[in-house]
Amino acid sequence: MGVCWALLVLIVAMVLGGVGLFRTGFSEAGIILYGLLKLLLFCFILLSVLSFIRWLWRAYANLNRAGQPTQYASAWAVGAWLVPFLNFVRPYCIVRETWRSTYLLADERVPSLALLRWWWGFFLIDSVIRQLLTLLTNAPESGHQIADAVTSDLVSMLFLLPSTLLTLMVIRRLHAAETRLLALAEAPHDSALPVV
């Protein structure tokens, strides 16, 4: 969770750094600093993605531990992100199943899926836009190309920021439901029921 908050801080730093580059006329020191921020952002995104996938795998596997059968093997919580084209649908299905089953076990009701839909929509839009912008602004050399690359970075941040915030919301809500489920499992059960 701390990695995601650090990622949010880094996103803000990237936006401020990008704006600063425009204001300073793309000085060499500014470009180097911006490049370092961009490298750091990549590392944090990678760390966040790996942390999220690990968390999802554990949350999905916990359903089986709680006696709830799942539609897919728990390994798919990881593998679904790696299979081309399947990764546009299957991760959402796994998160949705985790959401529904965890809430049913913990609260005996399932809240609206609107948050999941917004999260997945922003995730897909962010992923596609970042890939397209990376292809369009690959290896900038001139000042104009650097300005285009920085602009594309700033545009991609418009989608990365809400995607990250929505991811944090999904994790927090599912974690809270898992905590309630754990409390139910650890609560003493009265085995001496009155005989009528």
Protein backbone atom coordinates (compact mmCIF):
# COMPACT_ATOMS: atom_id res chain seq x y z
CA MET A 1 0.00 0.00 0.00
CA GLY A 2 2.89 2.34 0.80
CA VAL A 3 4.27 1.76 -2.69
CA CYS A 4 1.04 3.07 -4.21
CA TRP A 5 1.15 6.23 -2.08
CA ALA A 6 4.78 6.76 -3.08
CA LEU A 7 3.68 6.32 -6.70
CA LEU A 8 1.07 9.06 -6.26
CA VAL A 9 3.71 11.43 -4.88
CA LEU A 10 5.99 10.59 -7.79
CA ILE A 11 3.20 11.24 -10.30
CA VAL A 12 2.72 14.70 -8.83
CA ALA A 13 6.49 15.25 -8.96
CA MET A 14 6.50 14.23 -12.63
CA VAL A 15 3.72 16.67 -13.44
CA LEU A 16 5.49 19.48 -11.61
CA GLY A 17 8.79 18.50 -13.24
CA GLY A 18 7.22 18.48 -16.69
CA VAL A 19 5.66 21.88 -16.14
CA GLY A 20 9.01 23.12 -14.81
CA LEU A 21 10.75 21.94 -17.97
CA PHE A 22 8.44 24.06 -20.08
CA ARG A 23 9.01 27.07 -17.84
CA THR A 24 12.83 26.77 -17.92
CA GLY A 25 13.07 26.28 -21.68
CA PHE A 26 14.28 22.66 -21.46
CA SER A 27 17.64 23.23 -19.82
CA GLU A 28 20.05 20.28 -19.91
CA ALA A 29 19.94 19.90 -16.11
CA GLY A 30 16.14 19.98 -16.20
CA ILE A 31 16.02 17.31 -18.89
CA ILE A 32 18.37 15.08 -16.88
CA LEU A 33 16.33 15.55 -13.72
CA TYR A 34 13.12 14.85 -15.59
CA GLY A 35 14.68 11.70 -17.09
CA LEU A 36 15.62 10.51 -13.61
CA LEU A 37 12.08 11.19 -12.37
CA LYS A 38 10.73 9.23 -15.32
CA LEU A 39 13.04 6.29 -14.55
CA LEU A 40 12.00 6.41 -10.90
CA LEU A 41 8.34 6.50 -11.95
CA PHE A 42 8.85 3.42 -14.13
CA CYS A 43 10.44 1.57 -11.19
CA PHE A 44 7.57 2.53 -8.88
CA ILE A 45 4.96 1.52 -11.46
CA LEU A 46 6.68 -1.85 -11.86
CA LEU A 47 6.88 -2.31 -8.09
CA SER A 48 3.23 -1.28 -7.70
CA VAL A 49 2.07 -3.67 -10.41
CA LEU A 50 4.01 -6.57 -8.89
CA SER A 51 2.68 -5.74 -5.41
CA PHE A 52 -0.89 -5.52 -6.70
CA ILE A 53 -0.66 -8.83 -8.56
CA ARG A 54 0.82 -10.52 -5.48
CA TRP A 55 -1.97 -9.08 -3.33
CA LEU A 56 -4.63 -10.20 -5.84
CA TRP A 57 -3.20 -13.72 -5.96
CA ARG A 58 -3.36 -13.97 -2.17
CA ALA A 59 -6.88 -12.48 -1.99
CA TYR A 60 -8.11 -14.88 -4.69
CA ALA A 61 -6.40 -17.87 -3.05
CA ASN A 62 -7.98 -16.87 0.28
CA LEU A 63 -11.39 -17.60 -1.22
CA ASN A 64 -10.46 -21.27 -1.56
CA ARG A 65 -9.07 -21.26 1.98
CA ALA A 66 -12.41 -19.91 3.17
CA GLY A 67 -14.19 -22.81 1.45
CA GLN A 68 -15.46 -20.72 -1.46
CA PRO A 69 -14.87 -22.39 -4.85
CA THR A 70 -13.44 -20.10 -7.54
CA GLN A 71 -14.02 -20.08 -11.26
CA TYR A 72 -10.28 -20.18 -12.04
CA ALA A 73 -7.22 -21.66 -10.37
CA SER A 74 -5.51 -19.13 -8.10
CA ALA A 75 -2.49 -19.09 -10.44
CA TRP A 76 -4.70 -17.25 -12.96
CA ALA A 77 -4.67 -14.23 -10.63
CA VAL A 78 -1.07 -13.83 -11.82
CA GLY A 79 -1.19 -15.47 -15.25
CA ALA A 80 -4.21 -13.49 -16.44
CA TRP A 81 -2.07 -10.35 -16.63
CA LEU A 82 0.54 -12.04 -18.82
CA VAL A 83 -1.52 -13.61 -21.62
CA PRO A 84 -2.01 -11.17 -24.52
CA PHE A 85 -5.62 -10.19 -25.26
CA LEU A 86 -6.84 -12.31 -22.34
CA ASN A 87 -5.30 -9.64 -20.11
CA PHE A 88 -7.98 -7.20 -21.29
CA VAL A 89 -10.74 -9.27 -19.63
CA ARG A 90 -9.58 -12.00 -17.25
CA PRO A 91 -7.96 -9.81 -14.55
CA TYR A 92 -11.22 -7.88 -14.22
CA CYS A 93 -13.16 -11.15 -13.97
CA ILE A 94 -10.86 -12.35 -11.19
CA VAL A 95 -11.11 -9.08 -9.25
CA ARG A 96 -14.89 -9.07 -9.71
CA GLU A 97 -15.14 -12.66 -8.45
CA THR A 98 -12.89 -11.82 -5.49
CA TRP A 99 -15.04 -8.77 -4.75
CA ARG A 100 -18.34 -10.65 -4.92
CA SER A 101 -17.24 -13.74 -3.01
CA THR A 102 -15.37 -11.86 -0.29
CA TYR A 103 -18.30 -9.54 0.35
CA LEU A 104 -20.80 -12.43 0.30
CA LEU A 105 -18.75 -14.33 2.86
CA ALA A 106 -18.10 -11.29 5.05
CA ASP A 107 -21.34 -9.31 4.79
CA GLU A 108 -23.80 -11.65 3.03
CA ARG A 109 -24.37 -8.95 0.41
CA VAL A 110 -22.46 -7.60 -2.57
CA PRO A 111 -22.04 -3.84 -2.97
CA SER A 112 -22.29 -2.17 -6.34
CA LEU A 113 -19.67 -3.07 -8.93
CA ALA A 114 -19.45 0.57 -10.11
CA LEU A 115 -16.07 1.12 -8.41
CA LEU A 116 -14.64 -1.96 -10.14
CA ARG A 117 -15.98 -0.83 -13.49
CA TRP A 118 -14.46 2.64 -13.12
CA TRP A 119 -11.17 1.14 -11.93
CA TRP A 120 -10.94 -1.26 -14.86
CA GLY A 121 -12.00 1.37 -17.39
CA PHE A 122 -9.34 3.82 -16.24
CA PHE A 123 -6.77 1.03 -16.07
CA LEU A 124 -7.44 0.01 -19.68
CA ILE A 125 -7.51 3.59 -20.97
CA ASP A 126 -4.30 4.42 -19.09
CA SER A 127 -2.54 1.31 -20.40
CA VAL A 128 -3.51 1.89 -24.02
CA ILE A 129 -2.74 5.62 -23.98
CA ARG A 130 0.66 5.10 -22.34
CA GLN A 131 1.58 2.47 -24.93
CA LEU A 132 0.49 4.66 -27.83
CA LEU A 133 2.25 7.74 -26.49
CA THR A 134 5.42 5.75 -25.85
CA LEU A 135 5.42 4.55 -29.46
CA LEU A 136 4.80 8.06 -30.78
CA THR A 137 7.50 9.78 -28.73
CA ASN A 138 10.21 7.12 -28.67
CA ALA A 139 13.81 8.41 -28.30
CA PRO A 140 13.31 12.17 -28.68
CA GLU A 141 16.41 14.06 -29.88
CA SER A 142 15.48 17.64 -30.70
CA GLY A 143 13.99 20.21 -28.37
CA HIS A 144 10.66 19.96 -30.17
CA GLN A 145 10.62 16.16 -29.81
CA ILE A 146 11.50 16.46 -26.11
CA ALA A 147 8.64 18.93 -25.65
CA ASP A 148 6.29 16.46 -27.38
CA ALA A 149 7.53 13.62 -25.14
CA VAL A 150 7.02 15.67 -21.97
CA THR A 151 3.56 16.72 -23.16
CA SER A 152 2.65 13.09 -23.81
CA ASP A 153 3.92 12.18 -20.32
CA LEU A 154 1.71 14.86 -18.80
CA VAL A 155 -1.30 13.61 -20.79
CA SER A 156 -0.67 10.04 -19.65
CA MET A 157 -0.54 11.26 -16.03
CA LEU A 158 -4.14 12.44 -16.43
CA PHE A 159 -5.13 8.77 -16.65
CA LEU A 160 -2.46 7.21 -14.43
CA LEU A 161 -3.46 9.32 -11.42
CA PRO A 162 -7.15 8.31 -11.30
CA SER A 163 -6.22 4.73 -12.20
CA THR A 164 -3.87 4.61 -9.21
CA LEU A 165 -6.41 6.22 -6.88
CA LEU A 166 -9.13 3.80 -7.96
CA THR A 167 -6.74 0.87 -7.48
CA LEU A 168 -6.11 2.04 -3.93
CA MET A 169 -9.85 2.27 -3.31
CA VAL A 170 -10.44 -1.27 -4.60
CA ILE A 171 -7.62 -2.63 -2.43
CA ARG A 172 -8.85 -0.80 0.69
CA ARG A 173 -12.44 -1.97 0.30
CA LEU A 174 -11.51 -5.56 -0.41
CA HIS A 175 -9.01 -5.56 2.44
CA ALA A 176 -11.69 -4.24 4.80
CA ALA A 177 -14.08 -7.02 3.70
CA GLU A 178 -11.31 -9.60 4.17
CA THR A 179 -10.64 -8.23 7.65
CA ARG A 180 -14.32 -8.59 8.55
CA LEU A 181 -14.29 -12.12 7.15
CA LEU A 182 -11.23 -13.00 9.23
CA ALA A 183 -12.89 -11.60 12.35
CA LEU A 184 -15.93 -13.80 11.64
CA ALA A 185 -13.73 -16.86 11.19
CA GLU A 186 -11.85 -16.18 14.45
CA ALA A 187 -14.96 -15.39 16.50
CA PRO A 188 -15.83 -18.09 19.02
CA HIS A 189 -18.74 -20.17 17.82
CA ASP A 190 -21.25 -21.36 20.35
CA SER A 191 -21.40 -25.09 19.77
CA ALA A 192 -23.81 -25.70 22.66
CA LEU A 193 -27.08 -24.80 20.97
CA PRO A 194 -30.19 -25.20 23.07
CA VAL A 195 -32.24 -28.29 22.33
CA VAL A 196 -35.92 -27.63 21.70
